[in-house]
Amino acid sequence: MKTPINGNDLMELGLPQGQIIGIALKINSKRHGFTREQMLAHFKLVLENPENYIDDAIFSKLAVALIEKANEKPEDFIQLNPTPNAFTAYGLAHIEEGAKKQMEVAMQLPVTVAGALMPDAHQGYGLPIGGVLATRNAIIPYGVGVDIGCRMALSVYDITEDFYYANQDKFKRELTAHTKFGAGHGFQGQYKAEHAVLDSPVFEANSFIKNLKDKAWSQLGSSGGGNHFVEFGIMEFMEADADLGIPKGKYVALLTHSGSRGFGATVAGHYTKMAKDVCKLPEIARNLAYLDMNSELGQAYWIAMNLAGDYASACHEVIHNKMEKALGATVLTKVENHHNFAWKEIWNGEEVIVHRKGATPAGKGVMGIIPGSMTAPGFLVRGKGEENAINSASHGAGRQMSRTQAEKNITKVEMQAVLKDHGVTLIGAGLDEAPMAYKDINLVMEAQKDLVDVVAKFTPKLVRMADDGSRED
């Protein structure tokens, strides 16, 4: 497989983050007959002498953007605080430098109240993945992320571990029959699901949202691509949990991870662009453009974001209902939580907007699910309400290799050996999602023992992911 050009490659050349990277990636998507190496060489030449490319048929837009950026005046921008406010970080020794730097920039925003970095953190766009940011009366679309309302959902069944091992073919058949993966993929005609979320009046709020309803309907109950999954595993409660009404023991459970699909991604892209138009920040902070919650635009995004969150939850509900019916099982308990979202919360006596971009809500007594990888355990947890962490915890193990690095450094044979060693059956997934691409979940959980209590451990056994190179996250 040919190695694609990504944002990190362009940043290494010296192209600035933000709009310019986007322009370059769009040019590269057409490739124009150039090899990867030739395209990178051209980008380098445009960066060094953009004036030579103003009239170029391929690179003119990039050249003009570079020249315009060079002529921007500092006074044209909202000023960042010269010294970043302090933020709390957990498991700092295992967090890459890029994520720390992104968090420092976020702490310089004039609307920032507090911040925290979770132990699974890694570099993203704008706010790092695993970043938590509390702001005063402002919402940051890229602080929520592209996959609005991405979440975990868990159903624990009245099915024994022994029954699973004796009937693995049945579980594999039902998992294949009742899930759908792939970026852009959805259902057609009689296979489309119904759910009350489609009757939400918000879908009629404006023409932009209304035009997305058909896409939302077709993708309802599907899982997309990237690191999204649907999997069966064994849930072990080391002791009885009175609040959940679950006795000590081992149970078959269904765990799902996905978000708001194309609907949420389109909402995110639309409002991020608009935020950048009205909130002019220096290039280093451009992806943290925010909207005033008192503005019409801020309210429009807030309403659309909440609809995308409800839609993401509905997607999981459709999957879990299908599986419950197919198995003929009784669900003993269900738990779910968002991890790409923003909430109005009281922190330190003040109402703030808490952005959790790849972070699990962990207020006192709040239930959450923190997965590992396709071979590492996940954990059902109960939040401790740690204010220094802004009532949050990690949303998973976190990547230690980028997708490109994983594809370069991990072989199919190595991945298959790890799966076999852990007794995991995998349907789909590429090398970019190999277990070795992720941090050690046990180190991550140790780093946040002050944030959550572990209630039960989930061991994956049968995992389905996209197998078409999809990159939705």
Protein backbone atom coordinates (compact mmCIF):
# COMPACT_ATOMS: atom_id res chain seq x y z
CA MET A 1 0.00 0.00 0.00
CA LYS A 2 1.32 3.44 -0.94
CA THR A 3 2.02 5.73 2.00
CA PRO A 4 -0.24 8.79 1.78
CA ILE A 5 0.80 12.37 2.49
CA ASN A 6 -0.76 13.59 5.73
CA GLY A 7 -0.78 16.75 7.83
CA ASN A 8 2.25 15.67 9.85
CA ASP A 9 4.30 15.26 6.66
CA LEU A 10 3.39 18.80 5.60
CA MET A 11 4.17 20.25 9.03
CA GLU A 12 7.60 18.61 8.86
CA LEU A 13 8.19 20.51 5.60
CA GLY A 14 7.41 23.72 7.46
CA LEU A 15 3.88 24.42 6.26
CA PRO A 16 1.90 26.11 9.07
CA GLN A 17 -0.98 24.32 10.75
CA GLY A 18 -4.53 25.27 9.89
CA GLN A 19 -6.00 26.49 6.63
CA ILE A 20 -2.76 26.19 4.64
CA ILE A 21 -2.34 22.50 5.53
CA GLY A 22 -5.93 21.97 4.39
CA ILE A 23 -5.28 23.64 1.03
CA ALA A 24 -2.16 21.51 0.48
CA LEU A 25 -3.99 18.28 1.35
CA LYS A 26 -6.76 19.16 -1.11
CA ILE A 27 -4.18 19.72 -3.86
CA ASN A 28 -2.51 16.44 -2.96
CA SER A 29 -5.80 14.52 -3.09
CA LYS A 30 -5.82 15.03 -6.88
CA ARG A 31 -2.08 14.18 -7.09
CA HIS A 32 -1.92 15.62 -10.67
CA GLY A 33 0.30 12.81 -11.92
CA PHE A 34 3.03 13.41 -9.31
CA THR A 35 4.51 10.71 -7.10
CA ARG A 36 4.46 11.21 -3.34
CA GLU A 37 8.08 12.38 -3.37
CA GLN A 38 7.53 14.75 -6.29
CA MET A 39 4.49 16.29 -4.61
CA LEU A 40 6.39 16.87 -1.36
CA ALA A 41 9.24 18.44 -3.34
CA HIS A 42 6.80 20.82 -5.04
CA PHE A 43 5.23 21.79 -1.73
CA LYS A 44 8.70 22.63 -0.39
CA LEU A 45 9.44 24.85 -3.40
CA VAL A 46 6.10 26.67 -3.04
CA LEU A 47 6.81 27.25 0.65
CA GLU A 48 10.26 28.68 -0.09
CA ASN A 49 9.22 30.90 -3.04
CA PRO A 50 5.42 31.30 -3.16
CA GLU A 51 5.66 34.34 -5.47
CA ASN A 52 6.89 32.01 -8.25
CA TYR A 53 3.65 30.05 -8.10
CA ILE A 54 0.98 32.77 -8.01
CA ASP A 55 -0.17 31.90 -11.53
CA ASP A 56 0.53 28.17 -11.36
CA ALA A 57 -2.40 26.01 -12.46
CA ILE A 58 -1.96 23.58 -9.56
CA PHE A 59 -0.30 25.44 -6.68
CA SER A 60 -1.60 29.02 -7.01
CA LYS A 61 -4.13 28.79 -4.17
CA LEU A 62 -1.45 27.51 -1.80
CA ALA A 63 0.99 30.21 -2.91
CA VAL A 64 -1.55 33.00 -2.39
CA ALA A 65 -2.47 31.68 1.08
CA LEU A 66 1.22 31.61 2.09
CA ILE A 67 1.75 35.18 0.88
CA GLU A 68 -1.38 36.42 2.67
CA LYS A 69 -0.26 34.76 5.87
CA ALA A 70 3.17 36.39 5.63
CA ASN A 71 1.46 39.79 5.44
CA GLU A 72 -0.92 39.34 8.35
CA LYS A 73 -0.49 41.85 11.17
CA PRO A 74 -0.56 40.77 14.82
CA GLU A 75 -3.17 43.45 15.61
CA ASP A 76 -5.60 41.73 13.23
CA PHE A 77 -5.97 38.85 15.71
CA ILE A 78 -7.52 38.25 19.11
CA GLN A 79 -4.55 38.32 21.44
CA LEU A 80 -3.55 35.23 23.39
CA ASN A 81 -2.48 35.52 27.00
CA PRO A 82 1.34 35.75 26.86
CA THR A 83 1.79 33.18 29.65
CA PRO A 84 -0.28 29.97 29.55
CA ASN A 85 -2.38 29.22 32.62
CA ALA A 86 -1.29 26.06 34.43
CA PHE A 87 -3.13 22.81 33.69
CA THR A 88 -3.20 19.46 35.46
CA ALA A 89 -1.77 16.45 33.61
CA TYR A 90 -2.00 12.76 34.49
CA GLY A 91 0.57 10.21 33.31
CA LEU A 92 2.69 13.04 31.91
CA ALA A 93 5.72 10.79 31.29
CA HIS A 94 3.77 8.88 28.63
CA ILE A 95 2.27 11.90 26.83
CA GLU A 96 3.93 13.14 23.63
CA GLU A 97 5.36 16.65 23.47
CA GLY A 98 2.96 17.73 20.72
CA ALA A 99 -0.07 17.13 22.93
CA LYS A 100 1.48 19.13 25.79
CA LYS A 101 2.23 22.05 23.47
CA GLN A 102 -1.31 22.04 22.10
CA MET A 103 -2.66 22.13 25.64
CA GLU A 104 -0.40 25.06 26.50
CA VAL A 105 -1.79 27.00 23.53
CA ALA A 106 -5.36 26.21 24.64
CA MET A 107 -4.50 27.58 28.09
CA GLN A 108 -3.61 30.94 26.48
CA LEU A 109 -7.08 31.58 25.11
CA PRO A 110 -8.73 34.61 26.75
CA VAL A 111 -11.87 32.51 27.44
CA THR A 112 -10.04 29.62 29.17
CA VAL A 113 -10.82 28.98 32.84
CA ALA A 114 -9.13 25.62 33.48
CA GLY A 115 -7.59 22.66 31.68
CA ALA A 116 -6.51 19.07 32.22
CA LEU A 117 -4.68 16.46 30.15
CA MET A 118 -5.65 12.81 30.47
CA PRO A 119 -3.06 9.98 30.47
CA ASP A 120 -4.12 8.68 27.03
CA ALA A 121 -3.50 12.09 25.43
CA HIS A 122 -1.89 12.52 22.01
CA GLN A 123 -1.68 15.27 19.42
CA GLY A 124 -4.79 16.17 17.45
CA TYR A 125 -6.16 19.30 15.77
CA GLY A 126 -6.73 22.28 18.04
CA LEU A 127 -7.30 20.70 21.45
CA PRO A 128 -5.27 17.48 21.83
CA ILE A 129 -7.06 14.14 22.02
CA GLY A 130 -7.40 13.57 25.75
CA GLY A 131 -7.63 17.29 26.44
CA VAL A 132 -10.26 18.78 28.76
CA LEU A 133 -10.88 22.53 28.62
CA ALA A 134 -13.28 24.66 30.66
CA THR A 135 -14.15 28.00 29.05
CA ARG A 136 -16.19 31.00 30.10
CA ASN A 137 -19.30 31.45 27.94
CA ALA A 138 -17.57 30.16 24.78
CA ILE A 139 -17.81 26.97 22.73
CA ILE A 140 -14.94 25.66 20.56
CA PRO A 141 -16.12 23.37 17.73
CA TYR A 142 -12.67 21.79 17.38
CA GLY A 143 -12.56 21.46 21.17
CA VAL A 144 -15.42 19.02 20.73
CA GLY A 145 -13.94 17.42 17.63
CA VAL A 146 -15.07 16.23 14.23
CA ASP A 147 -16.93 13.15 15.49
CA ILE A 148 -19.42 14.93 17.75
CA GLY A 149 -20.85 12.72 20.47
CA CYS A 150 -18.49 9.81 19.83
CA ARG A 151 -19.29 7.46 22.67
CA MET A 152 -19.05 4.08 24.34
CA ALA A 153 -22.08 1.87 25.02
CA LEU A 154 -22.18 -1.37 27.00
CA SER A 155 -24.83 -4.07 27.43
CA VAL A 156 -24.21 -6.81 29.97
CA TYR A 157 -26.27 -9.96 29.27
CA ASP A 158 -27.54 -12.81 31.39
CA ILE A 159 -25.29 -15.11 29.34
CA THR A 160 -22.48 -17.13 30.90
CA GLU A 161 -18.88 -17.23 29.73
CA ASP A 162 -19.21 -20.96 29.00
CA PHE A 163 -22.19 -20.35 26.70
CA TYR A 164 -20.12 -17.90 24.66
CA TYR A 165 -17.28 -20.39 24.12
CA ALA A 166 -19.74 -23.12 23.16
CA ASN A 167 -21.54 -20.87 20.65
CA GLN A 168 -18.87 -18.65 19.11
CA ASP A 169 -20.16 -19.20 15.58
CA LYS A 170 -23.59 -17.84 16.55
CA PHE A 171 -22.06 -14.69 18.05
CA LYS A 172 -19.91 -14.20 14.97
CA ARG A 173 -22.92 -14.62 12.68
CA GLU A 174 -25.05 -12.12 14.60
CA LEU A 175 -22.22 -9.59 14.85
CA THR A 176 -21.73 -9.74 11.09
CA ALA A 177 -25.45 -9.60 10.31
CA HIS A 178 -26.39 -6.68 12.55
CA THR A 179 -23.51 -4.21 12.15
CA LYS A 180 -22.27 -2.09 9.25
CA PHE A 181 -18.85 -0.45 8.90
CA GLY A 182 -16.98 1.84 6.54
CA ALA A 183 -16.63 5.61 6.10
CA GLY A 184 -19.68 6.93 4.28
CA HIS A 185 -21.48 3.59 4.44
CA GLY A 186 -25.11 3.32 5.48
CA PHE A 187 -28.37 1.44 4.92
CA GLN A 188 -30.85 1.65 2.05
CA GLY A 189 -34.61 1.12 1.68
CA GLN A 190 -36.17 -1.45 3.98
CA TYR A 191 -32.91 -1.88 5.90
CA LYS A 192 -32.96 1.69 7.27
CA ALA A 193 -33.68 1.85 11.00
CA GLU A 194 -36.30 3.97 12.76
CA HIS A 195 -35.70 5.98 15.91
CA ALA A 196 -37.39 8.86 17.72
CA VAL A 197 -34.30 11.04 17.22
CA LEU A 198 -35.31 11.48 13.57
CA ASP A 199 -38.50 13.21 14.76
CA SER A 200 -36.53 15.88 16.63
CA PRO A 201 -37.76 19.39 15.70
CA VAL A 202 -34.10 20.46 15.53
CA PHE A 203 -33.88 18.71 12.16
CA GLU A 204 -36.26 21.44 10.94
CA ALA A 205 -34.38 24.30 12.64
CA ASN A 206 -32.65 25.50 9.49
CA SER A 207 -31.94 24.41 5.92
CA PHE A 208 -28.38 23.31 6.75
CA ILE A 209 -29.52 20.76 9.37
CA LYS A 210 -32.61 19.79 7.38
CA ASN A 211 -30.49 18.85 4.37
CA LEU A 212 -28.52 16.39 6.52
CA LYS A 213 -31.53 14.41 7.72
CA ASP A 214 -31.55 11.87 4.88
CA LYS A 215 -27.86 11.12 5.40
CA ALA A 216 -28.46 10.76 9.14
CA TRP A 217 -31.33 8.35 8.51
CA SER A 218 -29.35 6.16 6.10
CA GLN A 219 -26.40 5.89 8.53
CA LEU A 220 -28.50 5.36 11.67
CA GLY A 221 -27.22 2.23 13.43
CA SER A 222 -23.94 2.03 11.49
CA SER A 223 -20.45 2.42 12.92
CA GLY A 224 -18.22 4.08 10.30
CA GLY A 225 -14.48 3.54 10.22
CA GLY A 226 -11.25 4.38 12.03
CA ASN A 227 -11.08 3.10 15.60
CA HIS A 228 -14.81 2.44 15.84
CA PHE A 229 -15.84 -1.09 16.76
CA VAL A 230 -18.57 -3.46 17.90
CA GLU A 231 -17.33 -6.36 20.00
CA PHE A 232 -18.37 -9.19 22.27
CA GLY A 233 -16.33 -9.92 25.35
CA ILE A 234 -16.38 -11.26 28.88
CA MET A 235 -17.30 -8.78 31.60
CA GLU A 236 -15.95 -9.70 35.03
CA PHE A 237 -17.38 -8.13 38.18
CA MET A 238 -14.81 -8.84 40.86
CA GLU A 239 -17.49 -8.15 43.46
CA ALA A 240 -21.22 -7.49 43.42
CA ASP A 241 -22.29 -3.96 42.48
CA ALA A 242 -25.40 -2.93 44.39
CA ASP A 243 -26.04 0.22 42.33
CA LEU A 244 -26.11 -1.73 39.06
CA GLY A 245 -27.75 -4.76 40.64
CA ILE A 246 -25.08 -7.11 39.25
CA PRO A 247 -23.79 -10.07 41.34
CA LYS A 248 -20.12 -11.03 41.32
CA GLY A 249 -19.24 -13.13 38.29
CA LYS A 250 -18.46 -13.26 34.58
CA TYR A 251 -20.98 -12.29 31.90
CA VAL A 252 -21.06 -11.95 28.12
CA ALA A 253 -21.24 -8.26 27.16
CA LEU A 254 -21.53 -6.16 24.01
CA LEU A 255 -19.32 -3.05 23.75
CA THR A 256 -19.67 -0.46 20.98
CA HIS A 257 -17.64 2.62 20.04
CA SER A 258 -18.74 5.11 17.38
CA GLY A 259 -20.19 8.58 16.97
CA SER A 260 -22.46 10.76 14.87
CA ARG A 261 -21.19 9.59 11.48
CA GLY A 262 -21.39 11.89 8.45
CA PHE A 263 -24.05 14.04 10.09
CA GLY A 264 -21.80 15.05 12.99
CA ALA A 265 -18.73 15.45 10.79
CA THR A 266 -20.59 17.84 8.47
CA VAL A 267 -21.90 19.87 11.43
CA ALA A 268 -18.36 20.06 12.85
CA GLY A 269 -16.82 21.19 9.57
CA HIS A 270 -19.52 23.81 8.92
CA TYR A 271 -19.33 25.47 12.31
CA THR A 272 -15.55 25.22 12.60
CA LYS A 273 -15.23 27.19 9.36
CA MET A 274 -17.69 29.78 10.61
CA ALA A 275 -15.91 30.03 13.97
CA LYS A 276 -12.61 30.70 12.17
CA ASP A 277 -14.30 33.46 10.15
CA VAL A 278 -15.61 35.34 13.20
CA CYS A 279 -12.88 34.47 15.73
CA LYS A 280 -9.52 35.51 14.29
CA LEU A 281 -6.82 33.82 16.34
CA PRO A 282 -3.06 33.63 15.61
CA GLU A 283 -2.12 30.70 13.38
CA ILE A 284 -0.87 28.59 16.30
CA ALA A 285 -4.35 28.75 17.87
CA ARG A 286 -6.44 28.90 14.70
CA ASN A 287 -8.09 25.51 15.25
CA LEU A 288 -9.28 26.70 18.68
CA ALA A 289 -11.55 29.36 17.19
CA TYR A 290 -14.51 29.82 19.54
CA LEU A 291 -18.08 31.09 19.41
CA ASP A 292 -19.71 33.32 22.02
CA MET A 293 -22.53 31.38 23.68
CA ASN A 294 -24.63 34.56 23.66
CA SER A 295 -24.34 34.86 19.88
CA GLU A 296 -26.79 33.43 17.35
CA LEU A 297 -23.97 31.37 15.82
CA GLY A 298 -22.89 29.99 19.20
CA GLN A 299 -26.44 28.93 20.01
CA ALA A 300 -26.88 27.38 16.56
CA TYR A 301 -23.77 25.23 17.04
CA TRP A 302 -24.79 24.28 20.60
CA ILE A 303 -28.20 23.07 19.40
CA ALA A 304 -26.69 21.17 16.45
CA MET A 305 -24.00 19.62 18.68
CA ASN A 306 -26.61 18.33 21.11
CA LEU A 307 -28.65 16.86 18.27
CA ALA A 308 -25.51 15.11 16.97
CA GLY A 309 -24.95 13.72 20.47
CA ASP A 310 -28.52 12.41 20.63
CA TYR A 311 -28.06 10.92 17.16
CA ALA A 312 -24.82 9.17 18.19
CA SER A 313 -26.62 7.66 21.18
CA ALA A 314 -29.45 6.52 18.90
CA CYS A 315 -26.96 4.74 16.61
CA HIS A 316 -25.74 2.69 19.57
CA GLU A 317 -29.28 2.01 20.77
CA VAL A 318 -30.22 0.59 17.35
CA ILE A 319 -27.20 -1.75 17.37
CA HIS A 320 -27.77 -2.91 20.95
CA ASN A 321 -31.50 -3.48 20.40
CA LYS A 322 -30.80 -5.55 17.26
CA MET A 323 -28.25 -7.67 19.12
CA GLU A 324 -30.46 -8.18 22.18
CA LYS A 325 -33.27 -9.44 19.95
CA ALA A 326 -30.94 -11.66 17.84
CA LEU A 327 -29.44 -13.30 20.91
CA GLY A 328 -32.75 -13.65 22.76
CA ALA A 329 -30.92 -12.41 25.84
CA THR A 330 -31.90 -10.32 28.84
CA VAL A 331 -29.83 -7.18 29.44
CA LEU A 332 -28.81 -6.95 33.09
CA THR A 333 -27.47 -3.40 32.82
CA LYS A 334 -26.59 -0.76 30.23
CA VAL A 335 -23.98 1.99 30.53
CA GLU A 336 -23.00 4.63 27.96
CA ASN A 337 -21.03 7.86 27.83
CA HIS A 338 -19.99 10.54 25.33
CA HIS A 339 -16.33 11.46 24.97
CA ASN A 340 -16.31 14.11 22.21
CA PHE A 341 -18.69 16.72 23.53
CA ALA A 342 -19.19 19.88 25.56
CA TRP A 343 -21.32 20.31 28.67
CA LYS A 344 -22.48 23.19 30.86
CA GLU A 345 -21.13 22.38 34.31
CA ILE A 346 -20.32 24.11 37.57
CA TRP A 347 -16.59 24.14 38.23
CA ASN A 348 -15.07 25.98 41.19
CA GLY A 349 -18.42 27.65 41.81
CA GLU A 350 -18.78 29.03 38.27
CA GLU A 351 -20.80 27.85 35.27
CA VAL A 352 -18.37 26.89 32.50
CA ILE A 353 -18.44 25.05 29.19
CA VAL A 354 -16.42 21.85 29.63
CA HIS A 355 -14.99 20.43 26.40
CA ARG A 356 -13.94 16.77 26.60
CA LYS A 357 -12.17 15.90 23.37
CA GLY A 358 -11.42 12.23 23.86
CA ALA A 359 -12.09 12.25 27.61
CA THR A 360 -14.69 10.45 29.72
CA PRO A 361 -17.00 12.32 32.14
CA ALA A 362 -16.00 11.19 35.65
CA GLY A 363 -18.05 13.25 38.09
CA LYS A 364 -18.68 11.66 41.48
CA GLY A 365 -20.69 8.47 40.95
CA VAL A 366 -20.87 8.88 37.16
CA MET A 367 -20.48 5.60 35.26
CA GLY A 368 -18.18 5.37 32.25
CA ILE A 369 -16.40 2.90 29.98
CA ILE A 370 -12.69 3.09 29.17
CA PRO A 371 -11.63 0.60 26.46
CA GLY A 372 -8.11 -0.71 25.89
CA SER A 373 -7.44 -2.13 22.41
CA MET A 374 -8.76 -5.12 20.47
CA THR A 375 -6.68 -7.39 22.72
CA ALA A 376 -6.27 -5.29 25.90
CA PRO A 377 -8.98 -5.13 28.55
CA GLY A 378 -11.44 -2.28 28.94
CA PHE A 379 -12.90 -1.08 32.22
CA LEU A 380 -16.29 -0.14 33.56
CA VAL A 381 -15.57 2.71 35.96
CA ARG A 382 -17.28 5.01 38.46
CA GLY A 383 -16.05 8.59 38.64
CA LYS A 384 -14.59 10.06 41.81
CA GLY A 385 -15.36 13.69 40.93
CA GLU A 386 -11.77 14.99 40.97
CA GLU A 387 -11.96 18.76 40.39
CA ASN A 388 -8.32 19.06 39.29
CA ALA A 389 -9.19 16.75 36.39
CA ILE A 390 -12.36 18.80 35.73
CA ASN A 391 -14.34 15.66 36.62
CA SER A 392 -12.84 13.69 33.74
CA ALA A 393 -10.80 10.57 32.91
CA SER A 394 -9.20 9.06 29.81
CA HIS A 395 -11.39 7.76 26.96
CA GLY A 396 -9.15 4.78 26.22
CA ALA A 397 -5.54 3.67 26.08
CA GLY A 398 -4.52 6.34 23.55
CA ARG A 399 -2.28 5.91 20.52
CA GLN A 400 1.49 5.55 20.85
CA MET A 401 1.93 5.25 17.06
CA SER A 402 0.26 7.34 14.40
CA ARG A 403 -1.72 5.45 11.79
CA THR A 404 1.09 5.94 9.26
CA GLN A 405 3.72 4.72 11.74
CA ALA A 406 1.66 1.64 12.57
CA GLU A 407 1.25 0.73 8.91
CA LYS A 408 5.00 1.12 8.36
CA ASN A 409 6.20 -0.74 11.45
CA ILE A 410 3.69 -3.53 12.11
CA THR A 411 3.26 -6.55 9.86
CA LYS A 412 0.09 -8.57 9.35
CA VAL A 413 1.87 -11.65 10.71
CA GLU A 414 2.77 -9.80 13.94
CA MET A 415 -0.78 -8.59 14.37
CA GLN A 416 -2.26 -12.04 13.78
CA ALA A 417 0.14 -13.54 16.33
CA VAL A 418 -0.96 -11.07 19.01
CA LEU A 419 -4.62 -11.77 18.28
CA LYS A 420 -4.02 -15.52 18.55
CA ASP A 421 -2.10 -15.15 21.82
CA HIS A 422 -5.09 -13.31 23.33
CA GLY A 423 -7.76 -15.58 21.87
CA VAL A 424 -9.39 -12.74 19.91
CA THR A 425 -11.26 -13.23 16.64
CA LEU A 426 -11.10 -10.14 14.41
CA ILE A 427 -13.43 -9.21 11.57
CA GLY A 428 -11.97 -6.36 9.54
CA ALA A 429 -9.50 -3.68 10.78
CA GLY A 430 -6.20 -2.63 9.25
CA LEU A 431 -2.68 -2.51 10.66
CA ASP A 432 -3.30 1.09 11.77
CA GLU A 433 -5.56 -0.34 14.50
CA ALA A 434 -3.15 -3.09 15.63
CA PRO A 435 -2.96 -3.47 19.42
CA MET A 436 0.72 -2.48 19.38
CA ALA A 437 -0.25 0.99 18.08
CA TYR A 438 -1.82 1.76 21.47
CA LYS A 439 -0.42 2.59 24.90
CA ASP A 440 -0.51 0.06 27.73
CA ILE A 441 -4.01 0.47 29.19
CA ASN A 442 -2.76 -0.71 32.59
CA LEU A 443 -0.30 2.21 32.77
CA VAL A 444 -3.08 4.57 31.76
CA MET A 445 -5.41 3.23 34.47
CA GLU A 446 -2.66 3.44 37.09
CA ALA A 447 -2.10 7.10 36.19
CA GLN A 448 -5.77 7.92 36.81
CA LYS A 449 -6.53 5.88 39.92
CA ASP A 450 -7.42 9.15 41.68
CA LEU A 451 -10.03 9.89 39.01
CA VAL A 452 -12.06 6.66 38.78
CA ASP A 453 -12.80 3.42 40.62
CA VAL A 454 -12.82 0.23 38.54
CA VAL A 455 -16.15 -1.61 38.81
CA ALA A 456 -15.57 -4.40 36.26
CA LYS A 457 -13.13 -5.56 33.59
CA PHE A 458 -14.08 -6.27 29.96
CA THR A 459 -11.94 -8.75 27.97
CA PRO A 460 -12.53 -8.59 24.17
CA LYS A 461 -13.17 -11.87 22.38
CA LEU A 462 -14.87 -11.10 19.04
CA VAL A 463 -14.16 -7.73 17.42
CA ARG A 464 -15.52 -6.13 14.26
CA MET A 465 -14.03 -2.96 12.70
CA ALA A 466 -13.94 -1.36 9.25
CA ASP A 467 -11.63 -3.14 6.82
CA ASP A 468 -11.63 -0.66 3.95
CA GLY A 469 -9.00 1.82 5.11
CA SER A 470 -11.66 4.16 6.49
CA ARG A 471 -10.38 7.03 8.58
CA GLU A 472 -13.43 8.15 10.57
CA ASP A 473 -12.62 8.41 14.30
